[in-house]
């Protein structure tokens, strides 16, 4: 069995809570120099941008020294650099820490704030903000919530313990409960458990259900409903497929309010547009701490605006 190569520690510090980019030069290929490979690999940035980083000494090796543009290509070599951080519109809602100890941090994230750096959301993410605000550069995410979903997210303080907490989610040893606001259908028999096979294709915004062995299981309960045709629902997922709760609620004919993908895919919610947030909240997390053995139960204090003030949420 081939052993994975040991990854050296990053020789560059974080920048605004964001790790440097790490690139491992692949085996084989037509490249004679490190520069040739990076120009091809980072084609979206353009050759001029790559050359500029080389000239400024911003591309470094494992020893922290700048790599020369004519450095010979070495398969398996690691290089690091910082990408230019995009200008981001700050998410104007508070990020709350509901628990912190020497092993974990549990945050109560607002709608529109991504969990981890990805795409155009880099510094305006829960992970980057917590690293800066708490002074914890080693903080890592044990799981993720969609950018449009609010609620509880679990982070780990020590990198060597992250796998133990991630295994809670992988092995379904963590109880999660969500809350949603959606239309009320008096003909929909609830509670019920929804089982289906959900597929999310790369490059496609929405996930969809297909025939086959179920890989997504959700319990849907109606908590209460109102005369205006809205219902408040408790959603308990047993699995963690992408957009699972959103897909299942849509399949039941009661899509979650504010969903830009289900039932109809509309334009992605742009940065800076904080109107009508998706009415989905990760309300509780409950688990036995795999490191300390402590029984944890955390609850979000957030409220779904469409339920507390539909007119305010709808902009009426």
Protein backbone atom coordinates (compact mmCIF):
# COMPACT_ATOMS: atom_id res chain seq x y z
CA UNK A 1 0.00 0.00 0.00
CA UNK A 2 1.48 3.32 -1.09
CA UNK A 3 1.92 5.77 1.77
CA UNK A 4 0.69 9.32 1.35
CA UNK A 5 3.49 11.89 1.17
CA UNK A 6 4.09 13.82 4.37
CA UNK A 7 2.83 17.36 4.00
CA UNK A 8 5.26 19.89 5.49
CA UNK A 9 3.83 22.66 7.68
CA UNK A 10 2.95 25.85 5.84
CA UNK A 11 5.97 28.19 5.77
CA UNK A 12 3.72 31.26 5.36
CA UNK A 13 1.45 32.71 8.07
CA UNK A 14 -2.25 33.12 7.59
CA UNK A 15 -3.51 36.33 6.09
CA UNK A 16 -6.70 37.72 7.67
CA UNK A 17 -7.52 34.26 8.94
CA UNK A 18 -7.00 32.59 5.55
CA UNK A 19 -4.41 29.86 4.96
CA UNK A 20 -1.89 30.15 2.12
CA UNK A 21 -2.56 28.09 -0.99
CA UNK A 22 -0.55 24.86 -1.11
CA UNK A 23 0.35 23.24 -4.43
CA UNK A 24 2.02 19.85 -4.84
CA UNK A 25 3.70 19.41 -8.20
CA UNK A 26 2.29 16.25 -9.82
CA UNK A 27 4.36 13.35 -11.09
CA UNK A 28 5.12 13.49 -14.79
CA UNK A 29 4.16 16.22 -17.22
CA UNK A 30 5.81 18.44 -19.82
CA UNK A 31 6.95 21.21 -17.49
CA UNK A 32 10.63 22.07 -17.26
CA UNK A 33 10.25 24.68 -14.51
CA UNK A 34 7.99 25.39 -11.55
CA UNK A 35 6.86 28.56 -13.31
CA UNK A 36 5.64 26.69 -16.39
CA UNK A 37 3.46 24.43 -14.28
CA UNK A 38 1.97 27.26 -12.21
CA UNK A 39 1.22 29.35 -15.30
CA UNK A 40 -0.76 26.41 -16.69
CA UNK A 41 -2.37 25.46 -13.39
CA UNK A 42 -3.34 29.01 -12.51
CA UNK A 43 -4.40 29.90 -16.04
CA UNK A 44 -7.35 31.90 -14.73
CA UNK A 45 -4.97 34.32 -13.03
CA UNK A 46 -2.90 34.88 -16.17
CA UNK A 47 0.82 34.49 -16.80
CA UNK A 48 1.44 38.09 -15.75
CA UNK A 49 -0.01 37.51 -12.29
CA UNK A 50 2.10 34.39 -11.76
CA UNK A 51 5.25 36.17 -12.96
CA UNK A 52 4.44 39.04 -10.62
CA UNK A 53 4.29 36.67 -7.64
CA UNK A 54 7.64 35.14 -8.61
CA UNK A 55 9.23 38.58 -8.99
CA UNK A 56 7.91 39.63 -5.57
CA UNK A 57 9.20 36.45 -3.93
CA UNK A 58 5.66 35.44 -2.95
CA UNK A 59 5.93 31.81 -4.07
CA UNK A 60 7.93 29.84 -1.51
CA UNK A 61 9.09 26.29 -0.87
CA UNK A 62 8.88 24.20 2.29
CA UNK A 63 11.88 26.06 3.74
CA UNK A 64 10.10 29.40 3.38
CA UNK A 65 12.52 30.66 0.76
CA UNK A 66 11.32 32.22 -2.46
CA UNK A 67 11.26 29.88 -5.43
CA UNK A 68 13.00 31.23 -8.53
CA UNK A 69 10.91 31.32 -11.74
CA UNK A 70 13.49 29.17 -13.51
CA UNK A 71 13.66 26.60 -10.68
CA UNK A 72 13.66 23.10 -12.14
CA UNK A 73 10.42 21.18 -11.94
CA UNK A 74 10.54 18.50 -9.24
CA UNK A 75 7.61 16.05 -9.04
CA UNK A 76 6.19 15.95 -5.51
CA UNK A 77 7.60 19.35 -4.55
CA UNK A 78 5.34 21.60 -2.45
CA UNK A 79 5.04 25.35 -2.98
CA UNK A 80 2.92 27.91 -1.15
CA UNK A 81 1.61 31.37 -1.92
CA UNK A 82 -1.19 33.72 -0.92
CA UNK A 83 -3.83 34.49 -3.50
CA UNK A 84 -5.13 38.01 -3.77
CA UNK A 85 -8.04 38.34 -1.35
CA UNK A 86 -11.18 39.57 -3.10
CA UNK A 87 -13.06 42.61 -1.96
CA UNK A 88 -16.08 41.29 -0.11
CA UNK A 89 -19.26 42.89 1.14
CA UNK A 90 -19.36 42.39 4.93
CA UNK A 91 -22.28 40.30 6.15
CA UNK A 92 -24.05 42.75 8.49
CA UNK A 93 -25.21 40.24 11.09
CA UNK A 94 -23.47 39.15 14.29
CA UNK A 95 -21.54 35.90 14.50
CA UNK A 96 -22.14 34.44 17.96
CA UNK A 97 -19.98 31.99 19.88
CA UNK A 98 -22.22 29.76 21.99
CA UNK A 99 -19.45 27.54 23.38
CA UNK A 100 -15.67 27.56 23.56
CA UNK A 101 -13.25 25.27 25.34
CA UNK A 102 -9.75 23.96 24.67
CA UNK A 103 -11.04 21.45 22.12
CA UNK A 104 -14.03 22.95 20.27
CA UNK A 105 -15.80 26.16 19.35
CA UNK A 106 -19.51 26.17 18.50
CA UNK A 107 -20.67 29.19 16.51
CA UNK A 108 -24.19 30.38 15.73
CA UNK A 109 -23.81 31.70 12.22
CA UNK A 110 -26.13 34.15 10.47
CA UNK A 111 -27.66 33.69 7.05
CA UNK A 112 -25.42 34.65 4.08
CA UNK A 113 -22.12 33.91 5.85
CA UNK A 114 -20.23 30.97 4.32
CA UNK A 115 -18.72 28.45 6.71
CA UNK A 116 -15.26 28.13 5.12
CA UNK A 117 -13.35 30.02 2.39
CA UNK A 118 -14.53 29.04 -1.06
CA UNK A 119 -14.86 30.84 -4.38
CA UNK A 120 -15.58 34.54 -3.87
CA UNK A 121 -16.29 34.10 -0.14
CA UNK A 122 -12.93 34.06 1.62
CA UNK A 123 -12.44 36.49 4.49
CA UNK A 124 -16.20 36.90 5.01
CA UNK A 125 -16.58 33.36 6.30
CA UNK A 126 -17.19 31.93 9.74
CA UNK A 127 -13.80 30.21 9.85
CA UNK A 128 -11.74 33.25 8.85
CA UNK A 129 -13.66 35.57 11.16
CA UNK A 130 -13.36 33.25 14.16
CA UNK A 131 -9.63 32.76 13.59
CA UNK A 132 -9.18 36.53 13.65
CA UNK A 133 -11.59 37.38 16.44
CA UNK A 134 -10.61 34.53 18.79
CA UNK A 135 -6.91 34.47 17.94
CA UNK A 136 -7.06 30.79 17.00
CA UNK A 137 -5.10 30.26 13.76
CA UNK A 138 -5.38 26.45 14.02
CA UNK A 139 -9.19 26.50 14.13
CA UNK A 140 -10.79 24.15 11.60
CA UNK A 141 -14.33 23.24 10.58
CA UNK A 142 -15.68 19.82 11.55
CA UNK A 143 -18.55 20.22 9.03
CA UNK A 144 -20.23 22.90 6.92
CA UNK A 145 -23.56 24.64 6.58
CA UNK A 146 -24.75 26.18 3.32
CA UNK A 147 -24.05 29.91 3.10
CA UNK A 148 -27.78 30.65 3.04
CA UNK A 149 -28.57 28.50 6.10
CA UNK A 150 -28.20 29.95 9.59
CA UNK A 151 -27.41 28.16 12.83
CA UNK A 152 -24.91 26.03 14.69
CA UNK A 153 -21.53 25.02 13.29
CA UNK A 154 -18.85 22.97 15.10
CA UNK A 155 -15.16 23.89 14.87
CA UNK A 156 -12.10 22.21 16.31
CA UNK A 157 -9.22 23.98 18.06
CA UNK A 158 -6.50 21.34 17.66
CA UNK A 159 -5.72 19.98 14.18
CA UNK A 160 -4.79 16.56 15.57
CA UNK A 161 -8.30 16.20 17.04
CA UNK A 162 -10.26 17.33 13.98
CA UNK A 163 -10.67 13.82 12.58
CA UNK A 164 -12.35 12.61 15.77
CA UNK A 165 -15.00 15.33 15.54
CA UNK A 166 -15.48 14.95 11.79
CA UNK A 167 -16.13 11.26 12.41
CA UNK A 168 -19.18 12.22 14.49
CA UNK A 169 -20.85 13.45 11.32
CA UNK A 170 -19.49 10.70 9.07
CA UNK A 171 -20.62 7.95 11.44
CA UNK A 172 -23.96 9.63 12.29
CA UNK A 173 -23.12 9.92 15.97
CA UNK A 174 -24.36 13.49 16.22
CA UNK A 175 -28.00 14.52 16.53
CA UNK A 176 -29.00 17.55 14.45
CA UNK A 177 -32.32 19.34 14.44
CA UNK A 178 -33.33 22.09 12.02
CA UNK A 179 -36.21 24.51 11.89
CA UNK A 180 -37.85 25.83 8.72
CA UNK A 181 -40.69 28.07 7.63
CA UNK A 182 -42.61 26.91 4.57
CA UNK A 183 -46.18 26.87 3.24
CA UNK A 184 -48.73 24.92 5.24
CA UNK A 185 -50.56 22.17 3.35
CA UNK A 186 -53.48 20.71 5.35
CA UNK A 187 -53.48 17.70 3.03
CA UNK A 188 -49.88 16.77 3.82
CA UNK A 189 -49.78 14.01 6.43
CA UNK A 190 -47.10 14.72 9.00
CA UNK A 191 -44.94 13.65 10.74
CA UNK A 192 -43.28 11.44 8.18
CA UNK A 193 -39.83 10.18 7.24
CA UNK A 194 -38.69 10.97 3.71
CA UNK A 195 -36.22 8.63 2.03
CA UNK A 196 -34.74 9.21 -1.42
CA UNK A 197 -31.57 9.18 -3.46
CA UNK A 198 -30.14 12.66 -3.97
CA UNK A 199 -27.45 13.52 -6.50
CA UNK A 200 -25.53 16.82 -6.68
CA UNK A 201 -23.51 17.19 -9.88
CA UNK A 202 -20.41 19.38 -10.02
CA UNK A 203 -21.14 22.69 -11.70
CA UNK A 204 -24.93 22.33 -11.30
CA UNK A 205 -26.52 24.57 -8.68
CA UNK A 206 -29.41 22.35 -7.63
CA UNK A 207 -29.37 18.77 -6.41
CA UNK A 208 -32.05 16.36 -7.60
CA UNK A 209 -33.64 13.06 -6.69
CA UNK A 210 -33.03 9.96 -8.79
CA UNK A 211 -34.10 6.34 -8.72
CA UNK A 212 -32.01 3.99 -6.63
CA UNK A 213 -31.05 3.07 -3.10
CA UNK A 214 -31.89 5.97 -0.74
CA UNK A 215 -28.90 7.93 0.53
CA UNK A 216 -30.89 10.73 2.18
CA UNK A 217 -33.26 10.33 5.13
CA UNK A 218 -35.14 13.18 6.83
CA UNK A 219 -37.92 13.26 9.41
CA UNK A 220 -40.35 16.13 8.84
CA UNK A 221 -42.66 17.33 11.62
CA UNK A 222 -45.13 20.20 11.67
CA UNK A 223 -44.65 22.25 14.84
CA UNK A 224 -47.45 24.75 14.24
CA UNK A 225 -49.26 26.60 11.49
CA UNK A 226 -51.02 29.92 11.07
CA UNK A 227 -54.07 31.31 9.30
CA UNK A 228 -51.86 33.09 6.76
CA UNK A 229 -50.88 29.74 5.25
CA UNK A 230 -47.42 29.37 6.79
CA UNK A 231 -46.11 26.47 8.82
CA UNK A 232 -43.15 26.06 11.14
CA UNK A 233 -41.42 22.72 10.74
CA UNK A 234 -38.94 20.61 12.68
CA UNK A 235 -36.55 18.77 10.36
CA UNK A 236 -34.34 15.95 11.60
CA UNK A 237 -31.83 14.61 9.05
CA UNK A 238 -30.29 11.17 9.57
CA UNK A 239 -27.89 11.69 6.65
CA UNK A 240 -26.02 14.68 5.28
CA UNK A 241 -26.48 14.97 1.52
CA UNK A 242 -26.04 18.39 -0.09
CA UNK A 243 -29.27 20.43 0.14
CA UNK A 244 -31.02 17.37 1.57
CA UNK A 245 -33.64 19.18 3.66
CA UNK A 246 -34.34 21.70 0.93
CA UNK A 247 -34.81 18.94 -1.65
CA UNK A 248 -37.07 16.90 0.62
CA UNK A 249 -39.27 19.83 1.60
CA UNK A 250 -39.65 20.75 -2.05
CA UNK A 251 -40.53 17.14 -2.92
CA UNK A 252 -43.32 17.28 -0.33
CA UNK A 253 -44.74 20.35 -2.05
CA UNK A 254 -43.80 22.79 0.71
CA UNK A 255 -40.50 24.41 -0.40
CA UNK A 256 -38.72 26.43 2.25
CA UNK A 257 -39.33 30.16 2.02
CA UNK A 258 -36.55 32.17 0.40
CA UNK A 259 -35.02 29.19 -1.43
CA UNK A 260 -33.44 30.37 -4.71
CA UNK A 261 -33.03 26.81 -6.04
CA UNK A 262 -36.13 24.83 -5.13
CA UNK A 263 -38.58 24.51 -6.78
CA UNK A 264 -37.22 26.89 -9.44
CA UNK A 265 -33.56 27.74 -9.97
CA UNK A 266 -33.21 31.51 -10.07
CA UNK A 267 -30.07 33.62 -10.24
CA UNK A 268 -27.64 32.92 -7.36
CA UNK A 269 -28.06 35.28 -4.44
CA UNK A 270 -25.37 37.91 -5.08
CA UNK A 271 -23.02 39.18 -2.42
CA UNK A 272 -24.54 42.20 -0.75
CA UNK A 273 -28.15 41.09 -1.29
CA UNK A 274 -29.40 40.28 2.19
CA UNK A 275 -33.13 40.34 1.41
CA UNK A 276 -35.39 37.40 2.16
CA UNK A 277 -32.94 34.97 3.74
CA UNK A 278 -33.61 31.25 3.34
CA UNK A 279 -35.86 30.29 6.24
CA UNK A 280 -33.77 27.34 7.39
CA UNK A 281 -31.98 27.22 10.73
CA UNK A 282 -29.69 24.58 12.25
CA UNK A 283 -31.36 24.76 15.66
CA UNK A 284 -29.58 22.12 17.79
CA UNK A 285 -26.46 19.96 17.93
CA UNK A 286 -26.20 17.09 20.41
CA UNK A 287 -23.30 14.66 20.79
CA UNK A 288 -20.88 12.93 23.12
CA UNK A 289 -17.52 14.65 22.90
CA UNK A 290 -15.12 12.07 21.38
CA UNK A 291 -12.13 13.57 23.22
CA UNK A 292 -13.50 14.48 26.66
CA UNK A 293 -16.56 12.24 26.91
CA UNK A 294 -18.73 15.23 27.88
CA UNK A 295 -22.38 15.16 26.76
CA UNK A 296 -23.00 18.33 24.74
CA UNK A 297 -26.29 19.90 23.68
CA UNK A 298 -26.24 23.28 21.99
CA UNK A 299 -29.17 25.38 20.80
CA UNK A 300 -29.27 28.36 18.48
CA UNK A 301 -30.94 31.47 19.83
CA UNK A 302 -31.79 32.81 16.38
CA UNK A 303 -35.36 33.27 15.13
CA UNK A 304 -36.60 32.78 11.59
CA UNK A 305 -37.82 36.19 10.48
CA UNK A 306 -40.62 35.01 8.19
CA UNK A 307 -42.30 33.45 11.23
CA UNK A 308 -41.77 36.29 13.67
CA UNK A 309 -42.36 39.09 11.15
CA UNK A 310 -43.42 37.93 7.70
CA UNK A 311 -43.93 41.49 6.49
CA UNK A 312 -40.41 42.48 7.50
CA UNK A 313 -38.92 39.39 5.85
CA UNK A 314 -40.92 39.92 2.64
CA UNK A 315 -40.09 43.63 2.53
CA UNK A 316 -43.72 44.68 2.71
